[in-house]
PDB file of N, CA and C in Angstrom:
ATOM      1  N   MET A   1    -173.993 153.704-181.268  1.00  0.00           N
ATOM      2  CA  MET A   1    -172.827 153.058-180.802  1.00  0.00           C
ATOM      3  C   MET A   1    -173.010 152.327-179.576  1.00  0.00           C
ATOM      4  N   THR A   2    -172.344 151.236-179.461  1.00  0.00           N
ATOM      5  CA  THR A   2    -172.633 150.480-178.178  1.00  0.00           C
ATOM      6  C   THR A   2    -171.755 150.994-177.037  1.00  0.00           C
ATOM      7  N   ASP A   3    -172.008 150.518-175.904  1.00  0.00           N
ATOM      8  CA  ASP A   3    -171.198 150.834-174.691  1.00  0.00           C
ATOM      9  C   ASP A   3    -169.826 150.221-174.851  1.00  0.00           C
ATOM     10  N   ASP A   4    -169.633 148.994-175.465  1.00  0.00           N
ATOM     11  CA  ASP A   4    -168.331 148.399-175.518  1.00  0.00           C
ATOM     12  C   ASP A   4    -167.546 149.170-176.579  1.00  0.00           C
ATOM     13  N   VAL A   5    -168.063 149.675-177.665  1.00  0.00           N
ATOM     14  CA  VAL A   5    -167.406 150.483-178.667  1.00  0.00           C
ATOM     15  C   VAL A   5    -166.884 151.755-177.886  1.00  0.00           C
ATOM     16  N   GLN A   6    -167.746 152.343-177.054  1.00  0.00           N
ATOM     17  CA  GLN A   6    -167.333 153.667-176.544  1.00  0.00           C
ATOM     18  C   GLN A   6    -166.080 153.290-175.420  1.00  0.00           C
ATOM     19  N   ARG A   7    -166.182 152.258-174.833  1.00  0.00           N
ATOM     20  CA  ARG A   7    -165.292 151.833-173.738  1.00  0.00           C
ATOM     21  C   ARG A   7    -163.974 151.628-174.469  1.00  0.00           C
ATOM     22  N   THR A   8    -164.039 150.932-175.573  1.00  0.00           N
ATOM     23  CA  THR A   8    -162.690 150.612-176.307  1.00  0.00           C
ATOM     24  C   THR A   8    -162.138 151.951-176.677  1.00  0.00           C
ATOM     25  N   ALA A   9    -162.807 152.859-177.263  1.00  0.00           N
ATOM     26  CA  ALA A   9    -162.399 154.046-177.674  1.00  0.00           C
ATOM     27  C   ALA A   9    -161.723 154.989-176.515  1.00  0.00           C
ATOM     28  N   ASP A  10    -162.489 154.808-175.369  1.00  0.00           N
ATOM     29  CA  ASP A  10    -161.924 155.551-174.283  1.00  0.00           C
ATOM     30  C   ASP A  10    -160.452 154.840-173.845  1.00  0.00           C
ATOM     31  N   LEU A  11    -160.474 153.492-173.733  1.00  0.00           N
ATOM     32  CA  LEU A  11    -159.208 152.947-173.538  1.00  0.00           C
ATOM     33  C   LEU A  11    -158.146 153.344-174.470  1.00  0.00           C
ATOM     34  N   PHE A  12    -158.428 153.495-175.791  1.00  0.00           N
ATOM     35  CA  PHE A  12    -157.315 153.899-176.738  1.00  0.00           C
ATOM     36  C   PHE A  12    -157.048 155.325-176.456  1.00  0.00           C
ATOM     37  N   LYS A  13    -157.847 156.253-176.023  1.00  0.00           N
ATOM     38  CA  LYS A  13    -157.618 157.509-175.776  1.00  0.00           C
ATOM     39  C   LYS A  13    -156.573 157.577-174.638  1.00  0.00           C
ATOM     40  N   VAL A  14    -156.587 156.834-173.541  1.00  0.00           N
ATOM     41  CA  VAL A  14    -155.758 156.762-172.436  1.00  0.00           C
ATOM     42  C   VAL A  14    -154.412 156.173-172.999  1.00  0.00           C
ATOM     43  N   LEU A  15    -154.396 155.306-174.031  1.00  0.00           N
ATOM     44  CA  LEU A  15    -153.200 154.724-174.336  1.00  0.00           C
ATOM     45  C   LEU A  15    -152.566 155.547-175.453  1.00  0.00           C
ATOM     46  N   ALA A  16    -153.089 156.655-175.816  1.00  0.00           N
ATOM     47  CA  ALA A  16    -152.726 157.572-176.908  1.00  0.00           C
ATOM     48  C   ALA A  16    -151.325 158.259-176.397  1.00  0.00           C
ATOM     49  N   SER A  17    -150.987 158.250-175.348  1.00  0.00           N
ATOM     50  CA  SER A  17    -149.861 158.909-174.790  1.00  0.00           C
ATOM     51  C   SER A  17    -148.657 158.174-174.605  1.00  0.00           C
ATOM     52  N   PRO A  18    -147.550 158.392-175.344  1.00  0.00           N
ATOM     53  CA  PRO A  18    -146.330 157.625-175.172  1.00  0.00           C
ATOM     54  C   PRO A  18    -145.724 157.575-173.873  1.00  0.00           C
ATOM     55  N   VAL A  19    -146.042 158.589-173.015  1.00  0.00           N
ATOM     56  CA  VAL A  19    -145.542 158.451-171.668  1.00  0.00           C
ATOM     57  C   VAL A  19    -146.331 157.442-170.883  1.00  0.00           C
ATOM     58  N   ARG A  20    -147.757 157.343-171.116  1.00  0.00           N
ATOM     59  CA  ARG A  20    -148.525 156.431-170.530  1.00  0.00           C
ATOM     60  C   ARG A  20    -148.216 154.856-170.840  1.00  0.00           C
ATOM     61  N   VAL A  21    -147.899 154.634-172.273  1.00  0.00           N
ATOM     62  CA  VAL A  21    -147.598 153.464-172.638  1.00  0.00           C
ATOM     63  C   VAL A  21    -146.254 152.958-172.178  1.00  0.00           C
ATOM     64  N   ALA A  22    -145.295 153.742-172.053  1.00  0.00           N
ATOM     65  CA  ALA A  22    -143.976 153.411-171.580  1.00  0.00           C
ATOM     66  C   ALA A  22    -144.240 153.049-169.904  1.00  0.00           C
ATOM     67  N   ALA A  23    -144.974 153.923-169.359  1.00  0.00           N
ATOM     68  CA  ALA A  23    -145.256 153.467-168.001  1.00  0.00           C
ATOM     69  C   ALA A  23    -145.811 152.189-167.646  1.00  0.00           C
ATOM     70  N   LEU A  24    -146.853 151.888-168.578  1.00  0.00           N
ATOM     71  CA  LEU A  24    -147.523 150.638-168.351  1.00  0.00           C
ATOM     72  C   LEU A  24    -146.759 149.483-168.708  1.00  0.00           C
ATOM     73  N   LEU A  25    -145.899 149.585-169.816  1.00  0.00           N
ATOM     74  CA  LEU A  25    -145.016 148.588-170.104  1.00  0.00           C
ATOM     75  C   LEU A  25    -144.060 148.311-168.988  1.00  0.00           C
ATOM     76  N   ARG A  26    -143.583 149.414-168.302  1.00  0.00           N
ATOM     77  CA  ARG A  26    -142.566 149.198-167.166  1.00  0.00           C
ATOM     78  C   ARG A  26    -143.238 148.570-166.040  1.00  0.00           C
ATOM     79  N   VAL A  27    -144.503 148.884-165.643  1.00  0.00           N
ATOM     80  CA  VAL A  27    -145.143 148.446-164.478  1.00  0.00           C
ATOM     81  C   VAL A  27    -145.471 146.955-164.754  1.00  0.00           C
ATOM     82  N   ASP A  28    -145.779 146.761-166.048  1.00  0.00           N
ATOM     83  CA  ASP A  28    -146.012 145.243-166.450  1.00  0.00           C
ATOM     84  C   ASP A  28    -144.827 144.293-166.233  1.00  0.00           C
ATOM     85  N   GLU A  29    -143.697 144.910-166.163  1.00  0.00           N
ATOM     86  CA  GLU A  29    -142.463 144.204-165.826  1.00  0.00           C
ATOM     87  C   GLU A  29    -142.156 144.021-164.356  1.00  0.00           C
ATOM     88  N   GLN A  30    -142.398 145.129-163.635  1.00  0.00           N
ATOM     89  CA  GLN A  30    -142.322 145.067-162.105  1.00  0.00           C
ATOM     90  C   GLN A  30    -142.956 146.293-161.628  1.00  0.00           C
ATOM     91  N   PRO A  31    -143.433 146.211-160.341  1.00  0.00           N
ATOM     92  CA  PRO A  31    -144.058 147.412-159.834  1.00  0.00           C
ATOM     93  C   PRO A  31    -142.965 148.453-159.595  1.00  0.00           C
ATOM     94  N   CYS A  32    -143.353 149.820-159.671  1.00  0.00           N
ATOM     95  CA  CYS A  32    -142.411 150.986-159.699  1.00  0.00           C
ATOM     96  C   CYS A  32    -142.898 152.078-158.805  1.00  0.00           C
ATOM     97  N   SER A  33    -142.039 152.864-158.448  1.00  0.00           N
ATOM     98  CA  SER A  33    -142.608 154.205-157.766  1.00  0.00           C
ATOM     99  C   SER A  33    -142.494 155.352-158.913  1.00  0.00           C
ATOM    100  N   VAL A  34    -143.175 156.353-158.298  1.00  0.00           N
ATOM    101  CA  VAL A  34    -143.253 157.451-159.428  1.00  0.00           C
ATOM    102  C   VAL A  34    -141.953 157.871-159.928  1.00  0.00           C
ATOM    103  N   GLY A  35    -140.899 158.101-158.970  1.00  0.00           N
ATOM    104  CA  GLY A  35    -139.701 158.422-159.321  1.00  0.00           C
ATOM    105  C   GLY A  35    -138.942 157.324-160.349  1.00  0.00           C
ATOM    106  N   GLU A  36    -139.116 156.097-160.010  1.00  0.00           N
ATOM    107  CA  GLU A  36    -138.429 155.117-160.791  1.00  0.00           C
ATOM    108  C   GLU A  36    -139.146 155.158-162.321  1.00  0.00           C
ATOM    109  N   LEU A  37    -140.505 155.430-162.376  1.00  0.00           N
ATOM    110  CA  LEU A  37    -141.018 155.454-163.657  1.00  0.00           C
ATOM    111  C   LEU A  37    -140.673 156.735-164.292  1.00  0.00           C
ATOM    112  N   ALA A  38    -140.637 157.871-163.620  1.00  0.00           N
ATOM    113  CA  ALA A  38    -140.191 159.215-164.279  1.00  0.00           C
ATOM    114  C   ALA A  38    -138.750 159.102-164.947  1.00  0.00           C
ATOM    115  N   ASP A  39    -137.852 158.501-164.026  1.00  0.00           N
ATOM    116  CA  ASP A  39    -136.528 158.285-164.480  1.00  0.00           C
ATOM    117  C   ASP A  39    -136.494 157.378-165.731  1.00  0.00           C
ATOM    118  N   HIS A  40    -137.163 156.279-165.759  1.00  0.00           N
ATOM    119  CA  HIS A  40    -137.242 155.329-166.841  1.00  0.00           C
ATOM    120  C   HIS A  40    -137.710 155.897-168.030  1.00  0.00           C
ATOM    121  N   VAL A  41    -138.768 156.686-167.961  1.00  0.00           N
ATOM    122  CA  VAL A  41    -139.485 157.198-169.126  1.00  0.00           C
ATOM    123  C   VAL A  41    -138.859 158.702-169.579  1.00  0.00           C
ATOM    124  N   GLY A  42    -137.953 159.298-168.605  1.00  0.00           N
ATOM    125  CA  GLY A  42    -137.324 160.523-168.875  1.00  0.00           C
ATOM    126  C   GLY A  42    -138.298 161.730-168.914  1.00  0.00           C
ATOM    127  N   VAL A  43    -139.122 161.706-167.843  1.00  0.00           N
ATOM    128  CA  VAL A  43    -140.030 162.940-167.505  1.00  0.00           C
ATOM    129  C   VAL A  43    -139.831 163.246-166.004  1.00  0.00           C
ATOM    130  N   THR A  44    -140.405 164.449-165.841  1.00  0.00           N
ATOM    131  CA  THR A  44    -140.234 164.896-164.416  1.00  0.00           C
ATOM    132  C   THR A  44    -141.255 164.115-163.464  1.00  0.00           C
ATOM    133  N   HIS A  45    -141.018 164.117-162.210  1.00  0.00           N
ATOM    134  CA  HIS A  45    -141.982 163.301-161.382  1.00  0.00           C
ATOM    135  C   HIS A  45    -143.328 163.880-161.354  1.00  0.00           C
ATOM    136  N   THR A  46    -143.411 165.247-161.478  1.00  0.00           N
ATOM    137  CA  THR A  46    -144.819 165.934-161.562  1.00  0.00           C
ATOM    138  C   THR A  46    -145.546 165.439-162.786  1.00  0.00           C
ATOM    139  N   LEU A  47    -144.927 165.515-163.894  1.00  0.00           N
ATOM    140  CA  LEU A  47    -145.561 164.925-165.066  1.00  0.00           C
ATOM    141  C   LEU A  47    -145.947 163.467-164.899  1.00  0.00           C
ATOM    142  N   MET A  48    -144.962 162.669-164.451  1.00  0.00           N
ATOM    143  CA  MET A  48    -145.464 161.263-164.401  1.00  0.00           C
ATOM    144  C   MET A  48    -146.521 161.021-163.326  1.00  0.00           C
ATOM    145  N   SER A  49    -146.547 161.905-162.284  1.00  0.00           N
ATOM    146  CA  SER A  49    -147.682 161.891-161.398  1.00  0.00           C
ATOM    147  C   SER A  49    -148.989 162.077-162.108  1.00  0.00           C
ATOM    148  N   GLN A  50    -148.965 163.140-162.946  1.00  0.00           N
ATOM    149  CA  GLN A  50    -150.298 163.471-163.703  1.00  0.00           C
ATOM    150  C   GLN A  50    -150.683 162.412-164.648  1.00  0.00           C
ATOM    151  N   HIS A  51    -149.803 161.613-165.191  1.00  0.00           N
ATOM    152  CA  HIS A  51    -150.123 160.656-166.090  1.00  0.00           C
ATOM    153  C   HIS A  51    -150.523 159.221-165.303  1.00  0.00           C
ATOM    154  N   LEU A  52    -149.794 159.048-164.157  1.00  0.00           N
ATOM    155  CA  LEU A  52    -150.323 157.988-163.342  1.00  0.00           C
ATOM    156  C   LEU A  52    -151.771 158.165-162.789  1.00  0.00           C
ATOM    157  N   ARG A  53    -152.160 159.345-162.597  1.00  0.00           N
ATOM    158  CA  ARG A  53    -153.459 159.842-162.195  1.00  0.00           C
ATOM    159  C   ARG A  53    -154.388 159.353-163.288  1.00  0.00           C
ATOM    160  N   VAL A  54    -154.241 159.622-164.590  1.00  0.00           N
ATOM    161  CA  VAL A  54    -155.064 159.219-165.551  1.00  0.00           C
ATOM    162  C   VAL A  54    -155.167 157.752-165.480  1.00  0.00           C
ATOM    163  N   LEU A  55    -154.114 157.056-165.429  1.00  0.00           N
ATOM    164  CA  LEU A  55    -153.971 155.647-165.555  1.00  0.00           C
ATOM    165  C   LEU A  55    -154.776 155.003-164.338  1.00  0.00           C
ATOM    166  N   ARG A  56    -154.596 155.618-163.132  1.00  0.00           N
ATOM    167  CA  ARG A  56    -155.432 155.189-161.995  1.00  0.00           C
ATOM    168  C   ARG A  56    -156.889 155.337-162.173  1.00  0.00           C
ATOM    169  N   MET A  57    -157.327 156.487-162.650  1.00  0.00           N
ATOM    170  CA  MET A  57    -158.712 156.959-162.951  1.00  0.00           C
ATOM    171  C   MET A  57    -159.412 155.884-163.812  1.00  0.00           C
ATOM    172  N   SER A  58    -158.520 155.367-164.858  1.00  0.00           N
ATOM    173  CA  SER A  58    -159.104 154.528-165.945  1.00  0.00           C
ATOM    174  C   SER A  58    -159.078 153.128-165.306  1.00  0.00           C
ATOM    175  N   GLY A  59    -158.494 152.782-164.238  1.00  0.00           N
ATOM    176  CA  GLY A  59    -158.540 151.518-163.658  1.00  0.00           C
ATOM    177  C   GLY A  59    -157.330 150.564-164.176  1.00  0.00           C
ATOM    178  N   LEU A  60    -156.424 151.235-164.746  1.00  0.00           N
ATOM    179  CA  LEU A  60    -155.152 150.384-165.395  1.00  0.00           C
ATOM    180  C   LEU A  60    -154.123 150.007-164.539  1.00  0.00           C
ATOM    181  N   VAL A  61    -153.842 150.910-163.513  1.00  0.00           N
ATOM    182  CA  VAL A  61    -152.963 150.831-162.432  1.00  0.00           C
ATOM    183  C   VAL A  61    -153.641 151.024-161.182  1.00  0.00           C
ATOM    184  N   ARG A  62    -152.848 150.501-160.095  1.00  0.00           N
ATOM    185  CA  ARG A  62    -153.305 150.734-158.672  1.00  0.00           C
ATOM    186  C   ARG A  62    -152.005 151.025-157.928  1.00  0.00           C
ATOM    187  N   SER A  63    -152.215 151.837-156.908  1.00  0.00           N
ATOM    188  CA  SER A  63    -151.077 152.030-156.204  1.00  0.00           C
ATOM    189  C   SER A  63    -151.058 151.463-154.808  1.00  0.00           C
ATOM    190  N   GLU A  64    -149.888 151.140-154.239  1.00  0.00           N
ATOM    191  CA  GLU A  64    -149.828 150.656-152.836  1.00  0.00           C
ATOM    192  C   GLU A  64    -148.836 151.386-152.050  1.00  0.00           C
ATOM    193  N   LEU A  65    -149.179 151.714-150.679  1.00  0.00           N
ATOM    194  CA  LEU A  65    -148.108 152.241-150.080  1.00  0.00           C
ATOM    195  C   LEU A  65    -147.034 151.346-149.579  1.00  0.00           C
ATOM    196  N   ASP A  66    -145.813 151.592-149.992  1.00  0.00           N
ATOM    197  CA  ASP A  66    -144.715 150.800-149.685  1.00  0.00           C
ATOM    198  C   ASP A  66    -143.605 151.538-148.904  1.00  0.00           C
ATOM    199  N   GLY A  67    -143.780 151.528-147.483  1.00  0.00           N
ATOM    200  CA  GLY A  67    -142.941 152.457-146.821  1.00  0.00           C
ATOM    201  C   GLY A  67    -143.415 153.848-146.784  1.00  0.00           C
ATOM    202  N   LYS A  68    -142.508 154.670-147.344  1.00  0.00           N
ATOM    203  CA  LYS A  68    -142.923 156.085-147.412  1.00  0.00           C
ATOM    204  C   LYS A  68    -143.348 156.420-148.999  1.00  0.00           C
ATOM    205  N   SER A  69    -143.165 155.500-149.773  1.00  0.00           N
ATOM    206  CA  SER A  69    -143.556 155.788-151.239  1.00  0.00           C
ATOM    207  C   SER A  69    -144.628 154.816-151.643  1.00  0.00           C
ATOM    208  N   ARG A  70    -145.244 155.121-152.859  1.00  0.00           N
ATOM    209  CA  ARG A  70    -146.142 154.410-153.445  1.00  0.00           C
ATOM    210  C   ARG A  70    -145.729 153.759-154.535  1.00  0.00           C
ATOM    211  N   THR A  71    -146.195 152.428-154.729  1.00  0.00           N
ATOM    212  CA  THR A  71    -145.708 151.612-155.811  1.00  0.00           C
ATOM    213  C   THR A  71    -146.892 151.368-156.657  1.00  0.00           C
ATOM    214  N   TYR A  72    -146.667 151.443-157.960  1.00  0.00           N
ATOM    215  CA  TYR A  72    -147.636 151.380-158.901  1.00  0.00           C
ATOM    216  C   TYR A  72    -147.577 149.917-159.576  1.00  0.00           C
ATOM    217  N   HIS A  73    -148.675 149.403-159.824  1.00  0.00           N
ATOM    218  CA  HIS A  73    -148.886 148.003-160.307  1.00  0.00           C
ATOM    219  C   HIS A  73    -149.892 147.900-161.328  1.00  0.00           C
ATOM    220  N   LEU A  74    -149.680 147.318-162.404  1.00  0.00           N
ATOM    221  CA  LEU A  74    -150.719 147.035-163.338  1.00  0.00           C
ATOM    222  C   LEU A  74    -151.820 146.149-162.933  1.00  0.00           C
ATOM    223  N   THR A  75    -153.132 146.666-163.282  1.00  0.00           N
ATOM    224  CA  THR A  75    -154.238 146.024-162.802  1.00  0.00           C
ATOM    225  C   THR A  75    -154.909 145.116-163.878  1.00  0.00           C
ATOM    226  N   ASP A  76    -154.655 145.318-165.171  1.00  0.00           N
ATOM    227  CA  ASP A  76    -155.299 144.701-166.182  1.00  0.00           C
ATOM    228  C   ASP A  76    -154.407 143.970-167.088  1.00  0.00           C
ATOM    229  N   GLU A  77    -154.351 142.681-166.991  1.00  0.00           N
ATOM    230  CA  GLU A  77    -153.269 141.730-167.894  1.00  0.00           C
ATOM    231  C   GLU A  77    -153.877 141.841-169.362  1.00  0.00           C
ATOM    232  N   HIS A  78    -155.083 142.113-169.610  1.00  0.00           N
ATOM    233  CA  HIS A  78    -155.471 142.171-170.995  1.00  0.00           C
ATOM    234  C   HIS A  78    -154.778 143.425-171.697  1.00  0.00           C
ATOM    235  N   VAL A  79    -154.900 144.546-170.969  1.00  0.00           N
ATOM    236  CA  VAL A  79    -154.183 145.802-171.416  1.00  0.00           C
ATOM    237  C   VAL A  79    -152.590 145.453-171.648  1.00  0.00           C
ATOM    238  N   ALA A  80    -152.022 144.646-170.780  1.00  0.00           N
ATOM    239  CA  ALA A  80    -150.564 144.504-170.944  1.00  0.00           C
ATOM    240  C   ALA A  80    -150.320 143.669-172.275  1.00  0.00           C
ATOM    241  N   HIS A  81    -151.235 142.756-172.558  1.00  0.00           N
ATOM    242  CA  HIS A  81    -151.318 141.955-173.769  1.00  0.00           C
ATOM    243  C   HIS A  81    -151.455 142.724-174.961  1.00  0.00           C
ATOM    244  N   ILE A  82    -152.338 143.584-175.051  1.00  0.00           N
ATOM    245  CA  ILE A  82    -152.678 144.589-175.924  1.00  0.00           C
ATOM    246  C   ILE A  82    -151.332 145.406-176.385  1.00  0.00           C
ATOM    247  N   LEU A  83    -150.818 146.019-175.167  1.00  0.00           N
ATOM    248  CA  LEU A  83    -149.758 146.778-175.437  1.00  0.00           C
ATOM    249  C   LEU A  83    -148.364 146.030-175.949  1.00  0.00           C
ATOM    250  N   ARG A  84    -148.135 144.781-175.468  1.00  0.00           N
ATOM    251  CA  ARG A  84    -147.124 143.871-175.948  1.00  0.00           C
ATOM    252  C   ARG A  84    -147.191 143.602-177.466  1.00  0.00           C
ATOM    253  N   ASP A  85    -148.536 143.390-177.785  1.00  0.00           N
ATOM    254  CA  ASP A  85    -148.706 143.069-179.227  1.00  0.00           C
ATOM    255  C   ASP A  85    -148.583 144.175-180.197  1.00  0.00           C
ATOM    256  N   ALA A  86    -149.158 145.419-179.614  1.00  0.00           N
ATOM    257  CA  ALA A  86    -148.928 146.702-180.362  1.00  0.00           C
ATOM    258  C   ALA A  86    -147.462 146.969-180.341  1.00  0.00           C
ATOM    259  N   VAL A  87    -146.535 146.756-179.404  1.00  0.00           N
ATOM    260  CA  VAL A  87    -145.165 147.116-179.728  1.00  0.00           C
ATOM    261  C   VAL A  87    -144.538 146.241-180.588  1.00  0.00           C
ATOM    262  N   HIS A  88    -144.977 145.019-180.626  1.00  0.00           N
ATOM    263  CA  HIS A  88    -144.279 144.004-181.431  1.00  0.00           C
ATOM    264  C   HIS A  88    -144.804 144.281-182.938  1.00  0.00           C
ATOM    265  N   HIS A  89    -146.021 144.577-183.104  1.00  0.00           N
ATOM    266  CA  HIS A  89    -146.487 144.947-184.514  1.00  0.00           C
ATOM    267  C   HIS A  89    -145.637 146.156-184.967  1.00  0.00           C
ATOM    268  N   ALA A  90    -145.544 147.168-184.055  1.00  0.00           N
ATOM    269  CA  ALA A  90    -144.853 148.459-184.559  1.00  0.00           C
ATOM    270  C   ALA A  90    -143.354 148.180-184.995  1.00  0.00           C
ATOM    271  N   ALA A  91    -142.714 147.128-184.178  1.00  0.00           N
ATOM    272  CA  ALA A  91    -141.413 146.999-184.444  1.00  0.00           C
ATOM    273  C   ALA A  91    -141.079 146.201-185.754  1.00  0.00           C
ATOM    274  N   GLU A  92    -142.054 145.577-186.163  1.00  0.00           N
ATOM    275  CA  GLU A  92    -141.945 144.780-187.538  1.00  0.00           C
ATOM    276  C   GLU A  92    -141.353 145.578-188.624  1.00  0.00           C
ATOM    277  N   GLU A  93    -140.397 145.116-189.361  1.00  0.00           N
ATOM    278  CA  GLU A  93    -139.713 145.653-190.333  1.00  0.00           C
ATOM    279  C   GLU A  93    -140.473 145.831-191.726  1.00  0.00           C
ATOM    280  N   ALA A  94    -141.365 144.930-191.887  1.00  0.00           N
ATOM    281  CA  ALA A  94    -142.136 144.866-193.147  1.00  0.00           C
ATOM    282  C   ALA A  94    -143.049 146.010-193.163  1.00  0.00           C
ATOM    283  N   PRO A  95    -143.219 146.650-194.397  1.00  0.00           N
ATOM    284  CA  PRO A  95    -144.146 147.791-194.551  1.00  0.00           C
ATOM    285  C   PRO A  95    -145.525 147.152-194.602  1.00  0.00           C
ATOM    286  N   HIS A  96    -146.493 147.944-194.188  1.00  0.00           N
ATOM    287  CA  HIS A  96    -147.939 147.687-194.081  1.00  0.00           C
ATOM    288  C   HIS A  96    -148.651 148.566-194.916  1.00  0.00           C
ATOM    289  N   GLY A  97    -149.629 148.294-195.512  1.00  0.00           N
ATOM    290  CA  GLY A  97    -150.659 148.968-196.369  1.00  0.00           C
ATOM    291  C   GLY A  97    -150.270 149.170-197.692  1.00  0.00           C
ATOM    292  N   ASN A  98    -150.764 150.225-198.303  1.00  0.00           N
ATOM    293  CA  ASN A  98    -150.478 150.481-199.756  1.00  0.00           C
ATOM    294  C   ASN A  98    -150.079 149.247-200.462  1.00  0.00           C
TER     295      ASN A  98
END
């Protein structure tokens, strides 16, 4: 297995969480704080912080100190493009397969 294949599989593992996908789509629209993301997604601040840690460690988001709070920003436009395409694909009404 090549390194590229492994990195791709690792990326999809990170994206396998609906909470992380929703957070990434939101920070693609605009930078957000933990609280804003938690409220938008409908999870606790603690849970959102845990998911943001995974996203930071994978290099998909970065945080900046904005006054007394941290603001999260998307770091990889390629991932944003993949997510937008996936959401568009999932929303299509035509059945696929069989």
